[in-house]
């Protein structure tokens, strides 16, 4: 089970999250009988794709910062 997901943090998965929450809140038995499992799987896949995109962005930013630091170190050594 996912913790409560903030829609403003997961814009690309917003519609799936809303449908998943609606499915769970619509009927208590939906949660326990697995009627929302397809939505949960779709949501998990969407969140994983979003996580992978963010990880790549953060890695690229880190590499840029690292390059600047290494250039500064090179300037200090000269």
N, C-alpha and C. Protein backbone atom coordinates (compact mmCIF):
# COMPACT_ATOMS: atom_id res chain seq x y z
N UNK A 1 0.84 -1.19 0.00
CA UNK A 1 0.00 0.00 0.00
C UNK A 1 0.88 1.24 0.00
N UNK A 2 0.55 2.16 -0.87
CA UNK A 2 1.28 3.42 -0.93
C UNK A 2 0.80 4.32 0.18
N UNK A 3 1.71 5.15 0.65
CA UNK A 3 1.29 6.18 1.60
C UNK A 3 0.45 7.20 0.83
N UNK A 4 -0.18 8.11 1.52
CA UNK A 4 -1.01 9.12 0.87
C UNK A 4 -0.14 9.94 -0.08
N UNK A 5 -0.52 9.97 -1.34
CA UNK A 5 0.27 10.64 -2.36
C UNK A 5 -0.27 12.05 -2.60
N UNK A 6 0.62 13.01 -2.60
CA UNK A 6 0.25 14.39 -2.87
C UNK A 6 0.18 14.60 -4.37
N UNK A 7 -0.95 15.10 -4.83
CA UNK A 7 -1.15 15.26 -6.27
C UNK A 7 -0.21 16.30 -6.86
N UNK A 8 0.13 17.33 -6.10
CA UNK A 8 1.00 18.37 -6.65
C UNK A 8 2.44 17.88 -6.85
N UNK A 9 2.81 16.77 -6.24
CA UNK A 9 4.15 16.21 -6.42
C UNK A 9 4.20 15.21 -7.56
N UNK A 10 3.07 14.68 -7.96
CA UNK A 10 3.01 13.64 -8.98
C UNK A 10 2.02 14.02 -10.08
N UNK A 11 2.35 15.07 -10.80
CA UNK A 11 1.42 15.60 -11.79
C UNK A 11 1.17 14.64 -12.94
N UNK A 12 2.17 13.89 -13.34
CA UNK A 12 1.99 13.00 -14.47
C UNK A 12 1.12 11.79 -14.13
N UNK A 13 0.98 11.48 -12.85
CA UNK A 13 0.19 10.32 -12.42
C UNK A 13 -1.10 10.73 -11.73
N UNK A 14 -1.45 11.98 -11.84
CA UNK A 14 -2.57 12.53 -11.08
C UNK A 14 -3.88 11.78 -11.34
N UNK A 15 -4.21 11.53 -12.60
CA UNK A 15 -5.50 10.90 -12.90
C UNK A 15 -5.56 9.46 -12.35
N UNK A 16 -4.46 8.74 -12.40
CA UNK A 16 -4.44 7.37 -11.88
C UNK A 16 -4.57 7.38 -10.36
N UNK A 17 -3.90 8.32 -9.71
CA UNK A 17 -3.98 8.43 -8.25
C UNK A 17 -5.40 8.74 -7.81
N UNK A 18 -6.06 9.66 -8.52
CA UNK A 18 -7.44 10.02 -8.19
C UNK A 18 -8.36 8.82 -8.35
N UNK A 19 -8.20 8.09 -9.45
CA UNK A 19 -9.03 6.90 -9.68
C UNK A 19 -8.78 5.83 -8.62
N UNK A 20 -7.53 5.65 -8.24
CA UNK A 20 -7.19 4.66 -7.23
C UNK A 20 -7.80 5.04 -5.87
N UNK A 21 -7.69 6.31 -5.48
CA UNK A 21 -8.31 6.76 -4.23
C UNK A 21 -9.82 6.61 -4.28
N UNK A 22 -10.43 6.94 -5.43
CA UNK A 22 -11.87 6.80 -5.56
C UNK A 22 -12.29 5.34 -5.42
N UNK A 23 -11.52 4.44 -6.03
CA UNK A 23 -11.83 3.01 -5.95
C UNK A 23 -11.77 2.53 -4.50
N UNK A 24 -10.78 2.98 -3.76
CA UNK A 24 -10.66 2.56 -2.36
C UNK A 24 -11.76 3.15 -1.49
N UNK A 25 -12.12 4.39 -1.76
CA UNK A 25 -13.10 5.07 -0.91
C UNK A 25 -14.54 4.73 -1.29
N UNK A 26 -14.73 4.23 -2.50
CA UNK A 26 -16.07 3.93 -3.00
C UNK A 26 -16.74 2.83 -2.17
N UNK A 27 -15.98 1.80 -1.87
CA UNK A 27 -16.53 0.67 -1.14
C UNK A 27 -15.37 0.03 -0.37
N UNK A 28 -15.56 -0.19 0.89
CA UNK A 28 -14.50 -0.74 1.73
C UNK A 28 -14.03 -2.10 1.23
N UNK A 29 -14.93 -2.88 0.68
CA UNK A 29 -14.56 -4.21 0.22
C UNK A 29 -13.67 -4.19 -1.01
N UNK A 30 -13.71 -3.10 -1.78
CA UNK A 30 -12.85 -3.00 -2.96
C UNK A 30 -11.39 -3.20 -2.58
N UNK A 31 -11.02 -2.60 -1.49
CA UNK A 31 -9.64 -2.66 -1.02
C UNK A 31 -9.25 -4.09 -0.65
N UNK A 32 -10.12 -4.79 -0.01
CA UNK A 32 -9.78 -6.12 0.52
C UNK A 32 -10.01 -7.25 -0.47
N UNK A 33 -10.86 -7.02 -1.46
CA UNK A 33 -11.13 -8.07 -2.44
C UNK A 33 -10.27 -7.93 -3.70
N UNK A 34 -9.41 -6.92 -3.73
CA UNK A 34 -8.50 -6.76 -4.86
C UNK A 34 -9.11 -6.14 -6.10
N UNK A 35 -10.20 -5.44 -5.94
CA UNK A 35 -10.86 -4.83 -7.10
C UNK A 35 -10.11 -3.61 -7.62
N UNK A 36 -9.17 -3.11 -6.84
CA UNK A 36 -8.40 -1.93 -7.25
C UNK A 36 -6.97 -2.30 -7.65
N UNK A 37 -6.69 -3.58 -7.76
CA UNK A 37 -5.32 -4.02 -8.01
C UNK A 37 -4.77 -3.54 -9.34
N UNK A 38 -5.59 -3.49 -10.39
CA UNK A 38 -5.11 -3.03 -11.69
C UNK A 38 -4.73 -1.56 -11.63
N UNK A 39 -5.54 -0.78 -10.93
CA UNK A 39 -5.22 0.64 -10.75
C UNK A 39 -3.94 0.80 -9.93
N UNK A 40 -3.79 -0.02 -8.92
CA UNK A 40 -2.58 0.06 -8.08
C UNK A 40 -1.35 -0.27 -8.90
N UNK A 41 -1.44 -1.27 -9.75
CA UNK A 41 -0.31 -1.65 -10.60
C UNK A 41 0.02 -0.52 -11.58
N UNK A 42 -1.00 0.06 -12.17
CA UNK A 42 -0.80 1.17 -13.11
C UNK A 42 -0.17 2.37 -12.39
N UNK A 43 -0.63 2.63 -11.18
CA UNK A 43 -0.09 3.74 -10.40
C UNK A 43 1.38 3.47 -10.04
N UNK A 44 1.69 2.26 -9.64
CA UNK A 44 3.07 1.91 -9.30
C UNK A 44 3.99 2.07 -10.50
N UNK A 45 3.54 1.63 -11.66
CA UNK A 45 4.33 1.77 -12.87
C UNK A 45 4.54 3.24 -13.23
N UNK A 46 3.49 4.03 -13.11
CA UNK A 46 3.58 5.45 -13.42
C UNK A 46 4.55 6.15 -12.46
N UNK A 47 4.45 5.83 -11.18
CA UNK A 47 5.34 6.43 -10.19
C UNK A 47 6.79 6.00 -10.42
N UNK A 48 7.01 4.78 -10.87
CA UNK A 48 8.36 4.31 -11.15
C UNK A 48 8.96 5.06 -12.33
N UNK A 49 8.16 5.27 -13.37
CA UNK A 49 8.64 6.03 -14.53
C UNK A 49 8.98 7.45 -14.10
N UNK A 50 8.12 8.06 -13.31
CA UNK A 50 8.36 9.41 -12.81
C UNK A 50 9.63 9.46 -11.97
N UNK A 51 9.83 8.45 -11.12
CA UNK A 51 11.02 8.38 -10.28
C UNK A 51 12.27 8.27 -11.13
N UNK A 52 12.22 7.44 -12.17
CA UNK A 52 13.38 7.26 -13.05
C UNK A 52 13.73 8.56 -13.78
N UNK A 53 12.72 9.29 -14.22
CA UNK A 53 12.97 10.57 -14.89
C UNK A 53 13.62 11.56 -13.93
N UNK A 54 13.08 11.65 -12.71
CA UNK A 54 13.65 12.56 -11.72
C UNK A 54 15.06 12.15 -11.33
N UNK A 55 15.31 10.85 -11.22
CA UNK A 55 16.65 10.39 -10.87
C UNK A 55 17.65 10.79 -11.95
N UNK A 56 17.25 10.68 -13.22
CA UNK A 56 18.14 11.06 -14.31
C UNK A 56 18.43 12.56 -14.27
N UNK A 57 17.41 13.37 -14.03
CA UNK A 57 17.60 14.83 -13.93
C UNK A 57 18.56 15.17 -12.80
N UNK A 58 18.36 14.55 -11.64
CA UNK A 58 19.21 14.84 -10.49
C UNK A 58 20.65 14.39 -10.74
N UNK A 59 20.82 13.27 -11.42
CA UNK A 59 22.15 12.78 -11.74
C UNK A 59 22.87 13.77 -12.67
N UNK A 60 22.16 14.27 -13.67
CA UNK A 60 22.76 15.23 -14.60
C UNK A 60 23.15 16.51 -13.88
N UNK A 61 22.31 16.99 -12.98
CA UNK A 61 22.65 18.18 -12.20
C UNK A 61 23.86 17.93 -11.32
N UNK A 62 23.92 16.76 -10.71
CA UNK A 62 25.06 16.42 -9.86
C UNK A 62 26.35 16.35 -10.67
N UNK A 63 26.27 15.83 -11.87
CA UNK A 63 27.46 15.75 -12.73
C UNK A 63 27.93 17.16 -13.12
N UNK A 64 27.00 18.07 -13.38
CA UNK A 64 27.35 19.45 -13.70
C UNK A 64 28.04 20.11 -12.51
N UNK A 65 27.48 19.92 -11.32
CA UNK A 65 28.09 20.49 -10.11
C UNK A 65 29.48 19.90 -9.88
N UNK A 66 29.60 18.60 -10.08
CA UNK A 66 30.88 17.94 -9.89
C UNK A 66 31.93 18.47 -10.86
N UNK A 67 31.52 18.71 -12.10
CA UNK A 67 32.43 19.24 -13.10
C UNK A 67 32.93 20.62 -12.70
N UNK A 68 32.02 21.46 -12.18
CA UNK A 68 32.42 22.80 -11.73
C UNK A 68 33.41 22.71 -10.57
N UNK A 69 33.17 21.79 -9.65
CA UNK A 69 34.07 21.63 -8.50
C UNK A 69 35.44 21.16 -8.97
N UNK A 70 35.47 20.20 -9.87
CA UNK A 70 36.75 19.70 -10.37
C UNK A 70 37.52 20.78 -11.13
N UNK A 71 36.81 21.63 -11.87
CA UNK A 71 37.46 22.75 -12.54
C UNK A 71 38.04 23.73 -11.53
N UNK A 72 37.30 23.98 -10.46
CA UNK A 72 37.81 24.88 -9.41
C UNK A 72 39.04 24.27 -8.75
N UNK A 73 39.04 22.98 -8.51
CA UNK A 73 40.20 22.32 -7.92
C UNK A 73 41.41 22.41 -8.85
N UNK A 74 41.15 22.24 -10.15
CA UNK A 74 42.24 22.31 -11.12
C UNK A 74 42.85 23.70 -11.13
N UNK A 75 41.99 24.73 -11.03
CA UNK A 75 42.48 26.12 -10.99
C UNK A 75 43.30 26.36 -9.73
N UNK A 76 42.92 25.75 -8.60
CA UNK A 76 43.68 25.93 -7.37
C UNK A 76 45.05 25.27 -7.43
N UNK A 77 45.11 24.16 -8.12
CA UNK A 77 46.37 23.42 -8.21
C UNK A 77 47.39 24.14 -9.09
N UNK A 78 46.92 24.95 -10.04
CA UNK A 78 47.83 25.64 -10.95
C UNK A 78 48.43 26.86 -10.38
